[in-house]
N, C-alpha and C. Protein backbone atom coordinates (compact mmCIF):
# COMPACT_ATOMS: atom_id res chain seq x y z
N MET A 1 73.71 10.45 12.08
CA MET A 1 72.61 10.51 10.71
C MET A 1 71.20 10.12 11.70
N PHE A 2 70.14 10.64 11.14
CA PHE A 2 69.10 10.57 11.38
C PHE A 2 67.80 10.77 10.43
N GLU A 3 66.81 9.86 10.09
CA GLU A 3 66.06 9.79 8.98
C GLU A 3 64.69 9.47 9.55
N ILE A 4 63.68 9.90 8.95
CA ILE A 4 62.11 9.55 9.01
C ILE A 4 61.90 9.48 7.63
N GLU A 5 60.75 8.39 7.33
CA GLU A 5 60.22 8.23 6.26
C GLU A 5 59.14 7.87 6.49
N PHE A 6 57.82 8.64 5.62
CA PHE A 6 56.28 8.21 6.13
C PHE A 6 55.95 7.28 4.80
N PHE A 7 55.13 6.46 4.99
CA PHE A 7 54.54 5.46 4.10
C PHE A 7 52.93 5.42 4.36
N ASP A 8 52.47 4.85 3.36
CA ASP A 8 50.76 5.06 3.52
C ASP A 8 50.21 4.27 4.54
N GLY A 9 49.10 4.51 5.33
CA GLY A 9 48.59 3.81 6.22
C GLY A 9 49.18 4.21 7.64
N GLY A 10 50.15 5.12 7.88
CA GLY A 10 50.26 5.54 9.09
C GLY A 10 51.48 4.90 9.63
N HIS A 11 52.34 4.25 8.84
CA HIS A 11 53.45 3.68 8.89
C HIS A 11 54.65 4.50 8.64
N ILE A 12 55.59 4.63 9.41
CA ILE A 12 56.66 5.54 9.52
C ILE A 12 58.12 4.86 10.03
N ALA A 13 59.06 4.96 9.19
CA ALA A 13 60.24 4.20 9.40
C ALA A 13 61.36 5.48 9.93
N VAL A 14 61.76 4.91 10.93
CA VAL A 14 62.83 5.70 11.66
C VAL A 14 64.34 5.15 11.66
N ALA A 15 65.40 5.73 10.99
CA ALA A 15 66.58 5.25 11.10
C ALA A 15 67.86 6.05 11.88
N GLY A 16 68.52 5.56 12.20
CA GLY A 16 69.83 6.30 12.82
C GLY A 16 69.74 6.35 14.36
N ARG A 17 70.23 7.73 14.71
CA ARG A 17 70.31 8.00 16.30
C ARG A 17 69.01 9.06 16.47
N LEU A 18 68.42 8.82 17.19
CA LEU A 18 67.32 9.48 17.71
C LEU A 18 67.85 9.96 19.16
N ASP A 19 68.57 11.14 18.98
CA ASP A 19 69.18 11.72 20.31
C ASP A 19 68.72 13.49 20.39
N ALA A 20 69.24 14.12 21.49
CA ALA A 20 69.11 15.40 21.64
C ALA A 20 69.20 16.51 20.56
N ALA A 21 70.37 15.84 19.57
CA ALA A 21 70.60 16.42 18.46
C ALA A 21 69.34 16.71 17.40
N GLN A 22 68.79 15.61 17.39
CA GLN A 22 67.75 15.11 16.35
C GLN A 22 66.36 15.53 16.86
N ALA A 23 66.37 15.75 18.14
CA ALA A 23 64.88 15.70 18.82
C ALA A 23 63.99 16.51 18.25
N VAL A 24 64.51 18.10 18.00
CA VAL A 24 63.55 18.97 17.49
C VAL A 24 63.02 18.60 16.16
N LYS A 25 64.05 18.03 15.20
CA LYS A 25 63.62 17.60 13.75
C LYS A 25 62.88 16.48 14.01
N ALA A 26 62.77 15.55 14.87
CA ALA A 26 61.83 14.30 14.97
C ALA A 26 60.66 14.71 15.57
N GLN A 27 60.61 15.68 16.32
CA GLN A 27 59.10 16.17 16.89
C GLN A 27 58.46 17.01 15.62
N ALA A 28 59.10 17.59 14.83
CA ALA A 28 58.40 18.42 13.79
C ALA A 28 57.93 17.54 12.94
N LEU A 29 58.83 16.55 12.56
CA LEU A 29 58.09 15.46 11.45
C LEU A 29 56.86 14.64 12.10
N LEU A 30 57.21 13.97 13.26
CA LEU A 30 56.32 13.35 13.95
C LEU A 30 55.01 14.05 14.25
N ASP A 31 55.00 15.53 14.39
CA ASP A 31 53.57 16.31 14.64
C ASP A 31 52.90 15.96 13.31
N ARG A 32 53.24 15.61 12.07
CA ARG A 32 52.69 15.30 11.09
C ARG A 32 51.75 14.19 10.89
N ALA A 33 52.20 13.20 11.62
CA ALA A 33 51.44 12.07 12.23
C ALA A 33 49.88 12.06 12.70
N GLU A 34 49.12 11.42 12.24
CA GLU A 34 47.74 11.29 12.49
C GLU A 34 47.34 9.58 12.59
N GLY A 35 46.25 9.58 13.26
CA GLY A 35 45.57 8.35 13.39
C GLY A 35 46.70 7.36 13.91
N LEU A 36 46.44 6.19 13.95
CA LEU A 36 47.36 5.31 14.64
C LEU A 36 48.67 5.07 13.93
N CYS A 37 49.66 5.45 14.58
CA CYS A 37 51.10 5.64 13.86
C CYS A 37 51.83 4.31 14.24
N VAL A 38 52.23 3.75 13.30
CA VAL A 38 53.15 2.56 13.55
C VAL A 38 54.70 2.94 13.22
N LEU A 39 55.58 2.76 13.85
CA LEU A 39 56.71 3.08 13.90
C LEU A 39 57.63 1.99 13.69
N ASP A 40 58.58 1.92 12.55
CA ASP A 40 59.35 0.94 12.20
C ASP A 40 60.72 1.50 12.71
N LEU A 41 61.31 0.42 13.57
CA LEU A 41 62.42 0.88 14.38
C LEU A 41 63.36 0.11 13.95
N ALA A 42 63.41 -0.82 12.78
CA ALA A 42 64.05 -1.74 12.47
C ALA A 42 65.70 -1.05 12.25
N ARG A 43 65.90 0.15 11.76
CA ARG A 43 67.08 0.63 11.47
C ARG A 43 67.56 1.87 12.43
N LEU A 44 66.61 1.74 13.72
CA LEU A 44 67.18 2.69 14.64
C LEU A 44 68.42 2.06 15.36
N GLU A 45 69.43 3.01 15.57
CA GLU A 45 70.52 2.44 16.12
C GLU A 45 70.67 2.82 17.59
N TYR A 46 69.72 4.04 18.00
CA TYR A 46 70.19 4.47 19.33
C TYR A 46 68.90 5.41 19.65
N ILE A 47 68.49 5.48 20.67
CA ILE A 47 67.31 6.50 21.46
C ILE A 47 67.90 6.96 22.82
N SER A 48 67.94 8.07 23.01
CA SER A 48 68.30 8.79 24.19
C SER A 48 66.78 9.15 24.72
N SER A 49 67.42 9.88 26.09
CA SER A 49 65.98 10.33 26.70
C SER A 49 64.98 11.39 25.95
N ALA A 50 65.99 12.21 25.45
CA ALA A 50 65.34 13.15 24.48
C ALA A 50 64.37 12.63 23.43
N GLY A 51 64.88 11.44 22.72
CA GLY A 51 64.07 10.60 21.62
C GLY A 51 63.00 10.18 22.24
N LEU A 52 63.06 9.56 23.49
CA LEU A 52 61.99 8.90 24.22
C LEU A 52 60.91 10.09 24.61
N GLY A 53 61.31 11.27 24.87
CA GLY A 53 60.60 12.26 24.92
C GLY A 53 59.54 12.78 23.83
N VAL A 54 60.34 12.46 22.60
CA VAL A 54 59.43 12.82 21.53
C VAL A 54 58.51 11.81 21.17
N LEU A 55 58.73 10.48 21.46
CA LEU A 55 57.85 9.45 21.26
C LEU A 55 56.53 9.66 22.22
N LEU A 56 57.05 9.98 23.53
CA LEU A 56 55.88 10.27 24.56
C LEU A 56 54.90 11.42 24.07
N LYS A 57 55.42 12.46 23.71
CA LYS A 57 54.69 13.84 23.26
C LYS A 57 53.84 13.03 22.27
N THR A 58 54.26 12.76 20.96
CA THR A 58 53.38 12.28 20.02
C THR A 58 52.40 11.20 20.53
N HIS A 59 52.82 10.38 21.34
CA HIS A 59 51.91 9.09 21.60
C HIS A 59 50.88 9.66 22.63
N LYS A 60 51.03 10.74 23.14
CA LYS A 60 50.09 11.35 24.37
C LYS A 60 49.05 12.13 23.38
N ARG A 61 49.53 12.90 22.23
CA ARG A 61 48.89 13.95 21.15
C ARG A 61 48.07 12.82 20.36
N LEU A 62 48.43 11.69 20.17
CA LEU A 62 47.45 10.70 19.41
C LEU A 62 46.45 9.85 20.23
N MET A 63 46.82 9.86 21.61
CA MET A 63 46.13 9.15 22.41
C MET A 63 44.79 9.92 22.51
N GLY A 64 44.72 11.39 22.07
CA GLY A 64 43.97 12.23 22.43
C GLY A 64 42.58 11.87 21.65
N SER A 65 43.03 11.31 20.46
CA SER A 65 42.16 11.11 19.51
C SER A 65 41.79 9.63 19.40
N GLY A 66 42.14 8.73 20.50
CA GLY A 66 42.01 7.10 20.53
C GLY A 66 42.76 6.47 19.80
N ASN A 67 44.16 7.11 19.36
CA ASN A 67 45.07 6.23 18.80
C ASN A 67 46.48 6.38 19.63
N GLY A 68 47.21 6.12 18.67
CA GLY A 68 48.57 6.10 19.62
C GLY A 68 49.82 5.76 18.85
N ILE A 69 50.75 5.26 19.57
CA ILE A 69 51.79 4.71 18.67
C ILE A 69 52.40 3.29 18.98
N LYS A 70 52.52 2.55 17.72
CA LYS A 70 52.90 0.99 17.94
C LYS A 70 54.22 0.70 17.34
N LEU A 71 55.07 0.40 18.15
CA LEU A 71 56.61 0.47 17.83
C LEU A 71 56.62 -1.13 17.04
N ILE A 72 57.38 -1.21 15.92
CA ILE A 72 57.60 -2.58 15.42
C ILE A 72 59.06 -2.66 15.00
N ASN A 73 59.52 -4.10 14.82
CA ASN A 73 60.87 -4.22 14.30
C ASN A 73 61.87 -3.58 15.30
N VAL A 74 61.56 -3.94 16.74
CA VAL A 74 62.52 -3.31 17.65
C VAL A 74 63.45 -4.23 18.20
N ASN A 75 64.77 -3.88 17.73
CA ASN A 75 65.88 -4.70 18.19
C ASN A 75 66.29 -4.87 19.91
N HIS A 76 66.83 -5.85 20.02
CA HIS A 76 67.02 -6.31 21.41
C HIS A 76 67.85 -4.70 22.30
N HIS A 77 68.61 -4.23 21.69
CA HIS A 77 68.93 -2.96 22.42
C HIS A 77 68.41 -1.84 22.64
N ILE A 78 67.32 -1.57 21.57
CA ILE A 78 66.16 -0.26 21.67
C ILE A 78 65.33 -1.05 22.73
N HIS A 79 64.84 -2.18 22.30
CA HIS A 79 63.80 -2.68 23.57
C HIS A 79 64.26 -2.82 25.00
N ASP A 80 65.43 -3.04 25.29
CA ASP A 80 66.04 -2.93 26.70
C ASP A 80 65.89 -1.40 27.03
N ILE A 81 66.10 -0.59 26.23
CA ILE A 81 65.80 1.03 26.72
C ILE A 81 64.56 1.25 26.83
N PHE A 82 63.64 0.59 26.33
CA PHE A 82 62.36 0.94 26.41
C PHE A 82 61.82 0.31 27.86
N ARG A 83 62.31 -1.08 27.95
CA ARG A 83 62.01 -1.80 29.17
C ARG A 83 62.67 -1.13 30.47
N TYR A 84 63.93 -0.64 30.41
CA TYR A 84 64.48 -0.08 31.55
C TYR A 84 63.89 1.27 31.98
N SER A 85 63.23 2.04 30.68
CA SER A 85 62.62 3.27 31.20
C SER A 85 61.24 3.22 31.72
N GLY A 86 60.71 1.94 31.31
CA GLY A 86 59.28 1.74 31.97
C GLY A 86 58.21 2.00 30.60
N PHE A 87 59.17 2.53 29.40
CA PHE A 87 58.04 2.79 28.43
C PHE A 87 57.53 1.65 27.50
N ASP A 88 57.96 0.33 28.05
CA ASP A 88 57.33 -0.95 27.49
C ASP A 88 55.90 -0.90 28.16
N LYS A 89 55.50 -0.30 28.81
CA LYS A 89 54.27 -0.38 29.42
C LYS A 89 53.33 0.74 28.66
N LEU A 90 53.83 1.62 27.70
CA LEU A 90 53.20 2.70 27.32
C LEU A 90 52.89 2.37 26.01
N PHE A 91 53.85 1.78 25.30
CA PHE A 91 53.60 1.20 23.58
C PHE A 91 53.55 -0.19 23.38
N GLU A 92 52.88 -0.47 22.64
CA GLU A 92 52.79 -1.65 22.00
C GLU A 92 53.99 -1.96 21.38
N ILE A 93 54.59 -3.09 21.52
CA ILE A 93 55.99 -2.99 21.06
C ILE A 93 56.09 -4.51 20.32
N VAL A 94 56.58 -4.56 19.11
CA VAL A 94 56.68 -5.75 18.33
C VAL A 94 58.01 -6.00 18.13
N PRO A 95 58.71 -7.04 18.78
CA PRO A 95 60.17 -7.06 18.39
C PRO A 95 60.72 -7.63 17.33
N ALA A 96 61.74 -7.19 16.68
CA ALA A 96 62.38 -7.79 15.68
C ALA A 96 62.52 -9.37 15.57
N THR A 97 62.37 -9.88 14.48
CA THR A 97 62.58 -11.20 14.53
C THR A 97 63.84 -11.72 14.70
N SER A 98 64.79 -11.08 14.24
CA SER A 98 66.09 -11.19 14.43
C SER A 98 66.83 -10.08 14.43
N ASP A 99 67.98 -10.03 15.18
CA ASP A 99 68.85 -8.91 15.49
C ASP A 99 69.94 -8.94 14.56
N GLY A 100 70.05 -9.67 13.64
CA GLY A 100 71.20 -9.77 12.72
C GLY A 100 70.64 -9.00 11.62
């Protein structure tokens, strides 16, 4: 399962598994994002290298207009993936207040 939901003000909620099977769908949806993109990852269960690539491509595109991606409600497991990959240095990351 994978879902993306758009809200006012550039907020986007991502849920499920962002892996190679969902990368094309995710990229097509995130290509609609403009301005500062705030991704709420509270319900993201898993992200693969293909998912990281989607976020990186979107971030680079948005940086071209002086914006980018901010990740919020990032659980411990997902945060570890960003840290191990070095992506924690690319994105502003706001951890979840609780992993429960």
